PDB file of N, CA and C in Angstrom:
ATOM      1  N   MET A   1     144.281 133.465  76.646  1.00  0.00           N
ATOM      2  CA  MET A   1     144.320 132.200  75.937  1.00  0.00           C
ATOM      3  C   MET A   1     144.492 131.032  76.909  1.00  0.00           C
ATOM      4  N   ASN A   2     145.205 131.252  77.986  1.00  0.00           N
ATOM      5  CA  ASN A   2     145.429 130.193  78.970  1.00  0.00           C
ATOM      6  C   ASN A   2     144.113 129.781  79.628  1.00  0.00           C
ATOM      7  N   LEU A   3     143.229 130.735  79.869  1.00  0.00           N
ATOM      8  CA  LEU A   3     141.927 130.440  80.460  1.00  0.00           C
ATOM      9  C   LEU A   3     141.096 129.573  79.514  1.00  0.00           C
ATOM     10  N   TRP A   4     141.118 129.902  78.211  1.00  0.00           N
ATOM     11  CA  TRP A   4     140.375 129.108  77.242  1.00  0.00           C
ATOM     12  C   TRP A   4     140.927 127.690  77.161  1.00  0.00           C
ATOM     13  N   LYS A   5     142.244 127.553  77.190  1.00  0.00           N
ATOM     14  CA  LYS A   5     142.869 126.229  77.121  1.00  0.00           C
ATOM     15  C   LYS A   5     142.487 125.379  78.334  1.00  0.00           C
ATOM     16  N   SER A   6     142.498 125.955  79.515  1.00  0.00           N
ATOM     17  CA  SER A   6     142.118 125.196  80.708  1.00  0.00           C
ATOM     18  C   SER A   6     140.633 124.835  80.674  1.00  0.00           C
ATOM     19  N   TRP A   7     139.786 125.707  80.106  1.00  0.00           N
ATOM     20  CA  TRP A   7     138.357 125.412  79.979  1.00  0.00           C
ATOM     21  C   TRP A   7     138.138 124.229  79.031  1.00  0.00           C
ATOM     22  N   VAL A   8     138.841 124.195  77.915  1.00  0.00           N
ATOM     23  CA  VAL A   8     138.715 123.106  76.954  1.00  0.00           C
ATOM     24  C   VAL A   8     139.260 121.806  77.542  1.00  0.00           C
ATOM     25  N   GLU A   9     140.365 121.872  78.255  1.00  0.00           N
ATOM     26  CA  GLU A   9     140.950 120.679  78.873  1.00  0.00           C
ATOM     27  C   GLU A   9     140.042 120.078  79.934  1.00  0.00           C
ATOM     28  N   PHE A  10     139.205 120.894  80.547  1.00  0.00           N
ATOM     29  CA  PHE A  10     138.275 120.402  81.570  1.00  0.00           C
ATOM     30  C   PHE A  10     137.291 119.389  80.991  1.00  0.00           C
ATOM     31  N   PHE A  11     136.900 119.565  79.724  1.00  0.00           N
ATOM     32  CA  PHE A  11     135.902 118.701  79.104  1.00  0.00           C
ATOM     33  C   PHE A  11     136.506 117.599  78.235  1.00  0.00           C
ATOM     34  N   GLU A  12     137.822 117.484  78.179  1.00  0.00           N
ATOM     35  CA  GLU A  12     138.445 116.429  77.387  1.00  0.00           C
ATOM     36  C   GLU A  12     138.344 115.092  78.106  1.00  0.00           C
ATOM     37  N   GLU A  13     138.387 114.032  77.326  1.00  0.00           N
ATOM     38  CA  GLU A  13     138.337 112.681  77.890  1.00  0.00           C
ATOM     39  C   GLU A  13     139.642 112.373  78.617  1.00  0.00           C
ATOM     40  N   GLU A  14     139.503 111.681  79.751  1.00  0.00           N
ATOM     41  CA  GLU A  14     140.674 111.256  80.502  1.00  0.00           C
ATOM     42  C   GLU A  14     140.817 109.751  80.407  1.00  0.00           C
ATOM     43  N   GLY A  15     141.826 109.235  81.047  1.00  0.00           N
ATOM     44  CA  GLY A  15     142.063 107.798  81.047  1.00  0.00           C
ATOM     45  C   GLY A  15     140.987 107.065  81.830  1.00  0.00           C
ATOM     46  N   PRO A  16     140.927 105.735  81.682  1.00  0.00           N
ATOM     47  CA  PRO A  16     139.884 104.964  82.363  1.00  0.00           C
ATOM     48  C   PRO A  16     140.063 104.906  83.882  1.00  0.00           C
ATOM     49  N   ASP A  17     141.267 105.187  84.386  1.00  0.00           N
ATOM     50  CA  ASP A  17     141.497 105.126  85.827  1.00  0.00           C
ATOM     51  C   ASP A  17     141.178 106.434  86.545  1.00  0.00           C
ATOM     52  N   VAL A  18     140.900 107.489  85.806  1.00  0.00           N
ATOM     53  CA  VAL A  18     140.597 108.792  86.397  1.00  0.00           C
ATOM     54  C   VAL A  18     139.076 108.926  86.525  1.00  0.00           C
ATOM     55  N   PRO A  19     138.559 109.324  87.705  1.00  0.00           N
ATOM     56  CA  PRO A  19     137.106 109.488  87.838  1.00  0.00           C
ATOM     57  C   PRO A  19     136.612 110.607  86.917  1.00  0.00           C
ATOM     58  N   ARG A  20     135.444 110.406  86.364  1.00  0.00           N
ATOM     59  CA  ARG A  20     134.878 111.368  85.421  1.00  0.00           C
ATOM     60  C   ARG A  20     133.693 112.069  86.075  1.00  0.00           C
ATOM     61  N   TYR A  21     133.702 113.378  86.032  1.00  0.00           N
ATOM     62  CA  TYR A  21     132.630 114.175  86.608  1.00  0.00           C
ATOM     63  C   TYR A  21     131.815 114.786  85.482  1.00  0.00           C
ATOM     64  N   ASP A  22     130.608 114.325  85.334  1.00  0.00           N
ATOM     65  CA  ASP A  22     129.738 114.804  84.277  1.00  0.00           C
ATOM     66  C   ASP A  22     128.845 115.905  84.835  1.00  0.00           C
ATOM     67  N   PRO A  23     128.838 117.078  84.215  1.00  0.00           N
ATOM     68  CA  PRO A  23     128.018 118.175  84.736  1.00  0.00           C
ATOM     69  C   PRO A  23     126.519 117.846  84.755  1.00  0.00           C
ATOM     70  N   ILE A  24     126.057 117.021  83.829  1.00  0.00           N
ATOM     71  CA  ILE A  24     124.641 116.648  83.812  1.00  0.00           C
ATOM     72  C   ILE A  24     124.304 115.806  85.041  1.00  0.00           C
ATOM     73  N   HIS A  25     125.151 114.848  85.368  1.00  0.00           N
ATOM     74  CA  HIS A  25     124.910 114.020  86.549  1.00  0.00           C
ATOM     75  C   HIS A  25     124.940 114.869  87.823  1.00  0.00           C
ATOM     76  N   LEU A  26     125.862 115.805  87.889  1.00  0.00           N
ATOM     77  CA  LEU A  26     125.929 116.693  89.050  1.00  0.00           C
ATOM     78  C   LEU A  26     124.643 117.509  89.177  1.00  0.00           C
ATOM     79  N   ALA A  27     124.136 118.027  88.063  1.00  0.00           N
ATOM     80  CA  ALA A  27     122.899 118.798  88.095  1.00  0.00           C
ATOM     81  C   ALA A  27     121.721 117.926  88.518  1.00  0.00           C
ATOM     82  N   VAL A  28     121.660 116.699  88.024  1.00  0.00           N
ATOM     83  CA  VAL A  28     120.566 115.792  88.406  1.00  0.00           C
ATOM     84  C   VAL A  28     120.615 115.492  89.893  1.00  0.00           C
ATOM     85  N   VAL A  29     121.808 115.267  90.425  1.00  0.00           N
ATOM     86  CA  VAL A  29     121.942 114.990  91.858  1.00  0.00           C
ATOM     87  C   VAL A  29     121.495 116.197  92.678  1.00  0.00           C
ATOM     88  N   LEU A  30     121.887 117.382  92.264  1.00  0.00           N
ATOM     89  CA  LEU A  30     121.486 118.578  93.003  1.00  0.00           C
ATOM     90  C   LEU A  30     119.972 118.779  92.972  1.00  0.00           C
ATOM     91  N   VAL A  31     119.357 118.611  91.807  1.00  0.00           N
ATOM     92  CA  VAL A  31     117.908 118.782  91.698  1.00  0.00           C
ATOM     93  C   VAL A  31     117.180 117.701  92.495  1.00  0.00           C
ATOM     94  N   ALA A  32     117.661 116.459  92.425  1.00  0.00           N
ATOM     95  CA  ALA A  32     117.023 115.372  93.172  1.00  0.00           C
ATOM     96  C   ALA A  32     117.132 115.602  94.676  1.00  0.00           C
ATOM     97  N   CYS A  33     118.271 116.080  95.137  1.00  0.00           N
ATOM     98  CA  CYS A  33     118.428 116.366  96.571  1.00  0.00           C
ATOM     99  C   CYS A  33     117.487 117.488  97.008  1.00  0.00           C
ATOM    100  N   GLN A  34     117.373 118.523  96.201  1.00  0.00           N
ATOM    101  CA  GLN A  34     116.459 119.615  96.539  1.00  0.00           C
ATOM    102  C   GLN A  34     115.008 119.137  96.556  1.00  0.00           C
ATOM    103  N   ALA A  35     114.654 118.283  95.615  1.00  0.00           N
ATOM    104  CA  ALA A  35     113.287 117.753  95.584  1.00  0.00           C
ATOM    105  C   ALA A  35     113.020 116.879  96.804  1.00  0.00           C
ATOM    106  N   ALA A  36     113.982 116.045  97.173  1.00  0.00           N
ATOM    107  CA  ALA A  36     113.811 115.174  98.335  1.00  0.00           C
ATOM    108  C   ALA A  36     113.686 115.990  99.621  1.00  0.00           C
ATOM    109  N   VAL A  37     114.491 117.012  99.761  1.00  0.00           N
ATOM    110  CA  VAL A  37     114.400 117.865 100.948  1.00  0.00           C
ATOM    111  C   VAL A  37     113.072 118.602 100.967  1.00  0.00           C
ATOM    112  N   GLY A  38     112.597 119.052  99.818  1.00  0.00           N
ATOM    113  CA  GLY A  38     111.308 119.726  99.749  1.00  0.00           C
ATOM    114  C   GLY A  38     110.160 118.809 100.131  1.00  0.00           C
ATOM    115  N   VAL A  39     110.190 117.580  99.628  1.00  0.00           N
ATOM    116  CA  VAL A  39     109.147 116.606  99.973  1.00  0.00           C
ATOM    117  C   VAL A  39     109.173 116.311 101.468  1.00  0.00           C
ATOM    118  N   LEU A  40     110.365 116.096 102.014  1.00  0.00           N
ATOM    119  CA  LEU A  40     110.476 115.815 103.438  1.00  0.00           C
ATOM    120  C   LEU A  40     109.986 116.996 104.270  1.00  0.00           C
ATOM    121  N   PHE A  41     110.330 118.215 103.852  1.00  0.00           N
ATOM    122  CA  PHE A  41     109.872 119.398 104.584  1.00  0.00           C
ATOM    123  C   PHE A  41     108.350 119.466 104.618  1.00  0.00           C
ATOM    124  N   TRP A  42     107.703 119.298 103.460  1.00  0.00           N
ATOM    125  CA  TRP A  42     106.252 119.427 103.419  1.00  0.00           C
ATOM    126  C   TRP A  42     105.563 118.276 104.139  1.00  0.00           C
ATOM    127  N   LEU A  43     106.146 117.089 104.106  1.00  0.00           N
ATOM    128  CA  LEU A  43     105.569 115.989 104.879  1.00  0.00           C
ATOM    129  C   LEU A  43     105.656 116.271 106.377  1.00  0.00           C
ATOM    130  N   LEU A  44     106.816 116.749 106.818  1.00  0.00           N
ATOM    131  CA  LEU A  44     106.957 117.089 108.235  1.00  0.00           C
ATOM    132  C   LEU A  44     106.033 118.236 108.616  1.00  0.00           C
ATOM    133  N   TRP A  45     105.915 119.245 107.754  1.00  0.00           N
ATOM    134  CA  TRP A  45     105.027 120.369 108.055  1.00  0.00           C
ATOM    135  C   TRP A  45     103.591 119.883 108.156  1.00  0.00           C
ATOM    136  N   THR A  46     103.187 119.012 107.235  1.00  0.00           N
ATOM    137  CA  THR A  46     101.825 118.482 107.275  1.00  0.00           C
ATOM    138  C   THR A  46     101.588 117.716 108.565  1.00  0.00           C
ATOM    139  N   ALA A  47     102.557 116.911 108.957  1.00  0.00           N
ATOM    140  CA  ALA A  47     102.380 116.083 110.145  1.00  0.00           C
ATOM    141  C   ALA A  47     102.400 116.890 111.437  1.00  0.00           C
ATOM    142  N   MET A  48     103.219 117.922 111.498  1.00  0.00           N
ATOM    143  CA  MET A  48     103.416 118.615 112.771  1.00  0.00           C
ATOM    144  C   MET A  48     102.654 119.929 112.909  1.00  0.00           C
ATOM    145  N   VAL A  49     102.302 120.573 111.812  1.00  0.00           N
ATOM    146  CA  VAL A  49     101.724 121.909 111.894  1.00  0.00           C
ATOM    147  C   VAL A  49     100.306 121.976 111.334  1.00  0.00           C
ATOM    148  N   TYR A  50     100.050 121.358 110.213  1.00  0.00           N
ATOM    149  CA  TYR A  50      98.778 121.500 109.500  1.00  0.00           C
ATOM    150  C   TYR A  50      97.607 121.105 110.389  1.00  0.00           C
ATOM    151  N   GLU A  51      96.671 121.994 110.533  1.00  0.00           N
ATOM    152  CA  GLU A  51      95.451 121.804 111.324  1.00  0.00           C
ATOM    153  C   GLU A  51      95.726 121.317 112.745  1.00  0.00           C
ATOM    154  N   GLY A  52      96.782 121.792 113.336  1.00  0.00           N
ATOM    155  CA  GLY A  52      97.036 121.527 114.746  1.00  0.00           C
ATOM    156  C   GLY A  52      97.996 120.404 115.051  1.00  0.00           C
ATOM    157  N   GLY A  53      98.560 119.789 114.074  1.00  0.00           N
ATOM    158  CA  GLY A  53      99.573 118.775 114.345  1.00  0.00           C
ATOM    159  C   GLY A  53      99.050 117.360 114.307  1.00  0.00           C
ATOM    160  N   PHE A  54      99.779 116.466 114.961  1.00  0.00           N
ATOM    161  CA  PHE A  54      99.528 115.024 114.871  1.00  0.00           C
ATOM    162  C   PHE A  54      98.117 114.609 115.291  1.00  0.00           C
ATOM    163  N   GLY A  55      97.687 115.011 116.444  1.00  0.00           N
ATOM    164  CA  GLY A  55      96.447 114.454 116.965  1.00  0.00           C
ATOM    165  C   GLY A  55      95.282 115.404 117.030  1.00  0.00           C
ATOM    166  N   ALA A  56      95.245 116.408 116.168  1.00  0.00           N
ATOM    167  CA  ALA A  56      94.189 117.417 116.277  1.00  0.00           C
ATOM    168  C   ALA A  56      93.065 117.169 115.281  1.00  0.00           C
ATOM    169  N   GLY A  57      91.864 117.294 115.730  1.00  0.00           N
ATOM    170  CA  GLY A  57      90.629 117.375 114.961  1.00  0.00           C
ATOM    171  C   GLY A  57      90.528 116.585 113.672  1.00  0.00           C
ATOM    172  N   GLU A  58      90.007 117.261 112.637  1.00  0.00           N
ATOM    173  CA  GLU A  58      89.667 116.594 111.393  1.00  0.00           C
ATOM    174  C   GLU A  58      90.868 116.281 110.511  1.00  0.00           C
ATOM    175  N   GLY A  59      92.027 116.851 110.760  1.00  0.00           N
ATOM    176  CA  GLY A  59      93.224 116.561 109.967  1.00  0.00           C
ATOM    177  C   GLY A  59      94.017 115.386 110.500  1.00  0.00           C
ATOM    178  N   LYS A  60      93.467 114.698 111.481  1.00  0.00           N
ATOM    179  CA  LYS A  60      94.181 113.611 112.144  1.00  0.00           C
ATOM    180  C   LYS A  60      94.577 112.507 111.165  1.00  0.00           C
ATOM    181  N   PHE A  61      93.674 112.110 110.294  1.00  0.00           N
ATOM    182  CA  PHE A  61      93.943 111.012 109.362  1.00  0.00           C
ATOM    183  C   PHE A  61      95.080 111.364 108.402  1.00  0.00           C
ATOM    184  N   GLY A  62      95.028 112.558 107.833  1.00  0.00           N
ATOM    185  CA  GLY A  62      96.082 112.993 106.912  1.00  0.00           C
ATOM    186  C   GLY A  62      97.427 113.118 107.600  1.00  0.00           C
ATOM    187  N   ASN A  63      97.391 113.598 108.844  1.00  0.00           N
ATOM    188  CA  ASN A  63      98.641 113.734 109.584  1.00  0.00           C
ATOM    189  C   ASN A  63      99.253 112.376 109.899  1.00  0.00           C
ATOM    190  N   PHE A  64      98.447 111.405 110.229  1.00  0.00           N
ATOM    191  CA  PHE A  64      98.992 110.082 110.507  1.00  0.00           C
ATOM    192  C   PHE A  64      99.495 109.406 109.238  1.00  0.00           C
ATOM    193  N   ILE A  65      98.858 109.667 108.110  1.00  0.00           N
ATOM    194  CA  ILE A  65      99.371 109.143 106.837  1.00  0.00           C
ATOM    195  C   ILE A  65     100.728 109.767 106.523  1.00  0.00           C
ATOM    196  N   ALA A  66     100.851 111.074 106.743  1.00  0.00           N
ATOM    197  CA  ALA A  66     102.129 111.750 106.514  1.00  0.00           C
ATOM    198  C   ALA A  66     103.202 111.196 107.444  1.00  0.00           C
ATOM    199  N   LEU A  67     102.855 110.950 108.693  1.00  0.00           N
ATOM    200  CA  LEU A  67     103.810 110.395 109.642  1.00  0.00           C
ATOM    201  C   LEU A  67     104.246 108.990 109.220  1.00  0.00           C
ATOM    202  N   ALA A  68     103.300 108.172 108.763  1.00  0.00           N
ATOM    203  CA  ALA A  68     103.638 106.827 108.299  1.00  0.00           C
ATOM    204  C   ALA A  68     104.528 106.880 107.065  1.00  0.00           C
ATOM    205  N   LEU A  69     104.258 107.815 106.167  1.00  0.00           N
ATOM    206  CA  LEU A  69     105.079 107.962 104.974  1.00  0.00           C
ATOM    207  C   LEU A  69     106.486 108.411 105.335  1.00  0.00           C
ATOM    208  N   ILE A  70     106.611 109.315 106.272  1.00  0.00           N
ATOM    209  CA  ILE A  70     107.933 109.753 106.734  1.00  0.00           C
ATOM    210  C   ILE A  70     108.693 108.578 107.338  1.00  0.00           C
ATOM    211  N   ALA A  71     108.016 107.791 108.174  1.00  0.00           N
ATOM    212  CA  ALA A  71     108.669 106.636 108.792  1.00  0.00           C
ATOM    213  C   ALA A  71     109.110 105.635 107.726  1.00  0.00           C
ATOM    214  N   ALA A  72     108.291 105.424 106.700  1.00  0.00           N
ATOM    215  CA  ALA A  72     108.661 104.494 105.626  1.00  0.00           C
ATOM    216  C   ALA A  72     109.865 105.008 104.842  1.00  0.00           C
ATOM    217  N   ILE A  73     109.905 106.300 104.570  1.00  0.00           N
ATOM    218  CA  ILE A  73     111.039 106.882 103.847  1.00  0.00           C
ATOM    219  C   ILE A  73     112.316 106.761 104.656  1.00  0.00           C
ATOM    220  N   VAL A  74     112.246 107.069 105.940  1.00  0.00           N
ATOM    221  CA  VAL A  74     113.432 106.964 106.801  1.00  0.00           C
ATOM    222  C   VAL A  74     113.919 105.519 106.869  1.00  0.00           C
ATOM    223  N   GLU A  75     113.015 104.573 106.981  1.00  0.00           N
ATOM    224  CA  GLU A  75     113.393 103.156 107.031  1.00  0.00           C
ATOM    225  C   GLU A  75     114.016 102.708 105.710  1.00  0.00           C
ATOM    226  N   ALA A  76     113.464 103.146 104.587  1.00  0.00           N
ATOM    227  CA  ALA A  76     114.020 102.788 103.279  1.00  0.00           C
ATOM    228  C   ALA A  76     115.420 103.365 103.112  1.00  0.00           C
ATOM    229  N   LEU A  77     115.618 104.598 103.550  1.00  0.00           N
ATOM    230  CA  LEU A  77     116.950 105.201 103.475  1.00  0.00           C
ATOM    231  C   LEU A  77     117.942 104.473 104.380  1.00  0.00           C
ATOM    232  N   ARG A  78     117.480 104.056 105.570  1.00  0.00           N
ATOM    233  CA  ARG A  78     118.363 103.325 106.485  1.00  0.00           C
ATOM    234  C   ARG A  78     118.778 101.992 105.879  1.00  0.00           C
ATOM    235  N   ARG A  79     117.826 101.269 105.287  1.00  0.00           N
ATOM    236  CA  ARG A  79     118.144  99.982 104.664  1.00  0.00           C
ATOM    237  C   ARG A  79     119.087 100.150 103.476  1.00  0.00           C
ATOM    238  N   ALA A  80     118.852 101.182 102.662  1.00  0.00           N
ATOM    239  CA  ALA A  80     119.727 101.426 101.518  1.00  0.00           C
ATOM    240  C   ALA A  80     121.141 101.757 101.985  1.00  0.00           C
ATOM    241  N   ASP A  81     121.254 102.519 103.074  1.00  0.00           N
ATOM    242  CA  ASP A  81     122.565 102.849 103.610  1.00  0.00           C
ATOM    243  C   ASP A  81     123.278 101.600 104.119  1.00  0.00           C
ATOM    244  N   ARG A  82     122.548 100.735 104.799  1.00  0.00           N
ATOM    245  CA  ARG A  82     123.150  99.494 105.298  1.00  0.00           C
ATOM    246  C   ARG A  82     123.623  98.606 104.150  1.00  0.00           C
ATOM    247  N   ARG A  83     122.787  98.475 103.084  1.00  0.00           N
ATOM    248  CA  ARG A  83     123.180  97.670 101.919  1.00  0.00           C
ATOM    249  C   ARG A  83     124.437  98.228 101.269  1.00  0.00           C
ATOM    250  N   HIS A  84     124.489  99.540 101.139  1.00  0.00           N
ATOM    251  CA  HIS A  84     125.648 100.172 100.519  1.00  0.00           C
ATOM    252  C   HIS A  84     126.893  99.967 101.379  1.00  0.00           C
ATOM    253  N   ALA A  85     126.736 100.047 102.699  1.00  0.00           N
ATOM    254  CA  ALA A  85     127.882  99.857 103.597  1.00  0.00           C
ATOM    255  C   ALA A  85     128.410  98.429 103.487  1.00  0.00           C
ATOM    256  N   ARG A  86     127.517  97.437 103.326  1.00  0.00           N
ATOM    257  CA  ARG A  86     127.958  96.045 103.182  1.00  0.00           C
ATOM    258  C   ARG A  86     128.673  95.827 101.855  1.00  0.00           C
ATOM    259  N   LYS A  87     128.227  96.498 100.784  1.00  0.00           N
ATOM    260  CA  LYS A  87     128.843  96.312  99.477  1.00  0.00           C
ATOM    261  C   LYS A  87     130.248  96.892  99.415  1.00  0.00           C
ATOM    262  N   THR A  88     130.488  97.988 100.116  1.00  0.00           N
ATOM    263  CA  THR A  88     131.778  98.667 100.016  1.00  0.00           C
ATOM    264  C   THR A  88     132.851  98.037 100.893  1.00  0.00           C
ATOM    265  N   LYS A  89     132.504  97.073 101.735  1.00  0.00           N
ATOM    266  CA  LYS A  89     133.522  96.453 102.594  1.00  0.00           C
ATOM    267  C   LYS A  89     134.375  95.497 101.832  1.00  0.00           C
TER     268      LYS A  89
END
């Protein structure tokens, strides 16, 4: 019975000063992180491995597009991190 009581208490509402952890938000964050890592992996694989890498033959155009997209994503993440760091000070 103690296990059931602690399980029910986990989902009860707390006061406004206590942080609230919603299982749906946690699941969304986990899925979004996995998707972002998957996209980054395939972009890097396309740029570095597919048809010989960055400067090889007929895949050159696609590889440079993938490289530009990776650079844009990294820059966007850097800017978002800087904005967040300024807000929290």
